[in-house]
Structures are given as C-alpha cells and as structure tokens.
Amino acid sequence: MATEEHRGARSRPPGAGTRTRTGEDGMPRARRLALAEMAVGLPAAAWGARRRSLGWTAAGTVLMVHGVLELSYETVFPRD
C-alpha cells in the first residue's frame, strides 16, 4: 500500500549510494577502512600467535587479508 507521498518521504539523503565518498582529508573511506583492518588485524594475529590461540590468529589473519585485498582492488581497478 505504498503511495506516491510515502515513496517521496523515504527519499535518500544527498550522496547516498555513491560508490566512493571521500572524507575530510580526501582519502576514500574504503582505503581508510582497509588500513584500519590491517592495523587491527596485525596485533590480533600477534596476540593469537603468542597465546597459541587459533581463534585470535585466524581473526587477525582474516582482517589483514581482507584489508590487503581491499587495497589491491583499488590498485588493479583504479577509480578514474
């Protein structure tokens, strides 16, 4: 029972749905997220290796690999 008025009320804010949005410093958010994942993953993997905990080691490794893949995706497929 969606009416035209109801559809108009749910309009998206400006900039929603764009592929990459830059922050205040001009760095795309995806790159910042990838660097943050790598920065968190390295100590988590080291913590897991030191404590011989497979869970912490796996979580840290997954974060680091995901961050590296995000950065490499930008290198292989540049934005413009």
C-alpha atoms as a PDB file:
ATOM      1  CA  MET A   1       0.000   0.000   0.000  1.00  0.00           C
ATOM      2  CA  ALA A   2       2.806   2.410  -0.790  1.00  0.00           C
ATOM      3  CA  THR A   3       1.553   5.691  -2.136  1.00  0.00           C
ATOM      4  CA  GLU A   4       3.450   8.322  -4.052  1.00  0.00           C
ATOM      5  CA  GLU A   5       3.522  10.520  -0.944  1.00  0.00           C
ATOM      6  CA  HIS A   6       5.016   7.701   1.092  1.00  0.00           C
ATOM      7  CA  ARG A   7       7.661   6.995  -1.538  1.00  0.00           C
ATOM      8  CA  GLY A   8       8.634  10.648  -1.621  1.00  0.00           C
ATOM      9  CA  ALA A   9       9.028  10.724   2.149  1.00  0.00           C
ATOM     10  CA  ARG A  10      11.644   7.965   2.008  1.00  0.00           C
ATOM     11  CA  SER A  11      14.000   9.812  -0.318  1.00  0.00           C
ATOM     12  CA  ARG A  12      17.688   9.238   0.216  1.00  0.00           C
ATOM     13  CA  PRO A  13      19.986  11.917   1.616  1.00  0.00           C
ATOM     14  CA  PRO A  14      22.379  13.627  -0.791  1.00  0.00           C
ATOM     15  CA  GLY A  15      25.343  11.442  -1.672  1.00  0.00           C
ATOM     16  CA  ALA A  16      23.727   8.176  -0.582  1.00  0.00           C
ATOM     17  CA  GLY A  17      24.512   5.248  -2.823  1.00  0.00           C
ATOM     18  CA  THR A  18      27.643   6.690  -4.358  1.00  0.00           C
ATOM     19  CA  ARG A  19      30.487   4.222  -4.836  1.00  0.00           C
ATOM     20  CA  THR A  20      33.230   6.057  -3.021  1.00  0.00           C
ATOM     21  CA  ARG A  21      32.950   9.096  -0.823  1.00  0.00           C
ATOM     22  CA  THR A  22      35.970  10.988   0.354  1.00  0.00           C
ATOM     23  CA  GLY A  23      36.492  12.127   3.888  1.00  0.00           C
ATOM     24  CA  GLU A  24      37.786  15.452   5.105  1.00  0.00           C
ATOM     25  CA  ASP A  25      41.366  14.578   4.175  1.00  0.00           C
ATOM     26  CA  GLY A  26      40.480  13.470   0.629  1.00  0.00           C
ATOM     27  CA  MET A  27      41.200   9.772   1.273  1.00  0.00           C
ATOM     28  CA  PRO A  28      38.396   7.422   0.181  1.00  0.00           C
ATOM     29  CA  ARG A  29      36.597   5.697   3.023  1.00  0.00           C
ATOM     30  CA  ALA A  30      37.340   2.248   1.598  1.00  0.00           C
ATOM     31  CA  ARG A  31      41.078   2.896   1.810  1.00  0.00           C
ATOM     32  CA  ARG A  32      40.789   4.134   5.392  1.00  0.00           C
ATOM     33  CA  LEU A  33      38.755   1.059   6.307  1.00  0.00           C
ATOM     34  CA  ALA A  34      41.309  -1.242   4.677  1.00  0.00           C
ATOM     35  CA  LEU A  35      44.156   0.395   6.577  1.00  0.00           C
ATOM     36  CA  ALA A  36      42.179   0.167   9.816  1.00  0.00           C
ATOM     37  CA  GLU A  37      41.504  -3.542   9.234  1.00  0.00           C
ATOM     38  CA  MET A  38      45.193  -4.169   8.697  1.00  0.00           C
ATOM     39  CA  ALA A  39      46.108  -2.089  11.759  1.00  0.00           C
ATOM     40  CA  VAL A  40      43.722  -4.089  13.961  1.00  0.00           C
ATOM     41  CA  GLY A  41      44.470  -7.451  12.359  1.00  0.00           C
ATOM     42  CA  LEU A  42      48.218  -7.383  12.931  1.00  0.00           C
ATOM     43  CA  PRO A  43      48.104  -7.093  16.736  1.00  0.00           C
ATOM     44  CA  ALA A  44      45.223  -9.573  16.918  1.00  0.00           C
ATOM     45  CA  ALA A  45      47.202 -12.142  14.943  1.00  0.00           C
ATOM     46  CA  ALA A  46      50.318 -11.489  17.032  1.00  0.00           C
ATOM     47  CA  TRP A  47      48.281 -11.842  20.234  1.00  0.00           C
ATOM     48  CA  GLY A  48      46.871 -15.131  18.989  1.00  0.00           C
ATOM     49  CA  ALA A  49      50.268 -16.451  17.981  1.00  0.00           C
ATOM     50  CA  ARG A  50      51.764 -15.524  21.346  1.00  0.00           C
ATOM     51  CA  ARG A  51      48.932 -17.153  23.284  1.00  0.00           C
ATOM     52  CA  ARG A  52      48.718 -20.058  20.819  1.00  0.00           C
ATOM     53  CA  SER A  53      45.056 -19.260  20.245  1.00  0.00           C
ATOM     54  CA  LEU A  54      43.833 -20.375  16.841  1.00  0.00           C
ATOM     55  CA  GLY A  55      40.746 -18.150  17.056  1.00  0.00           C
ATOM     56  CA  TRP A  56      42.643 -14.889  17.605  1.00  0.00           C
ATOM     57  CA  THR A  57      45.215 -15.837  14.988  1.00  0.00           C
ATOM     58  CA  ALA A  58      42.518 -16.632  12.433  1.00  0.00           C
ATOM     59  CA  ALA A  59      40.565 -13.436  13.181  1.00  0.00           C
ATOM     60  CA  GLY A  60      43.682 -11.298  12.828  1.00  0.00           C
ATOM     61  CA  THR A  61      44.717 -13.052   9.651  1.00  0.00           C
ATOM     62  CA  VAL A  62      41.263 -12.630   8.106  1.00  0.00           C
ATOM     63  CA  LEU A  63      41.287  -8.908   8.921  1.00  0.00           C
ATOM     64  CA  MET A  64      44.748  -8.431   7.451  1.00  0.00           C
ATOM     65  CA  VAL A  65      43.964 -10.397   4.284  1.00  0.00           C
ATOM     66  CA  HIS A  66      40.700  -8.507   3.783  1.00  0.00           C
ATOM     67  CA  GLY A  67      42.483  -5.182   4.183  1.00  0.00           C
ATOM     68  CA  VAL A  68      45.204  -6.162   1.715  1.00  0.00           C
ATOM     69  CA  LEU A  69      42.621  -7.323  -0.803  1.00  0.00           C
ATOM     70  CA  GLU A  70      40.727  -4.031  -0.497  1.00  0.00           C
ATOM     71  CA  LEU A  71      43.897  -2.047  -1.138  1.00  0.00           C
ATOM     72  CA  SER A  72      44.922  -4.260  -4.052  1.00  0.00           C
ATOM     73  CA  TYR A  73      41.450  -3.939  -5.606  1.00  0.00           C
ATOM     74  CA  GLU A  74      41.917  -0.168  -5.776  1.00  0.00           C
ATOM     75  CA  THR A  75      45.315  -0.677  -7.394  1.00  0.00           C
ATOM     76  CA  VAL A  76      44.054  -3.126 -10.016  1.00  0.00           C
ATOM     77  CA  PHE A  77      40.828  -1.240 -10.764  1.00  0.00           C
ATOM     78  CA  PRO A  78      41.544   2.484 -10.352  1.00  0.00           C
ATOM     79  CA  ARG A  79      38.554   4.780  -9.857  1.00  0.00           C
ATOM     80  CA  ASP A  80      39.277   7.146 -12.739  1.00  0.00           C
END
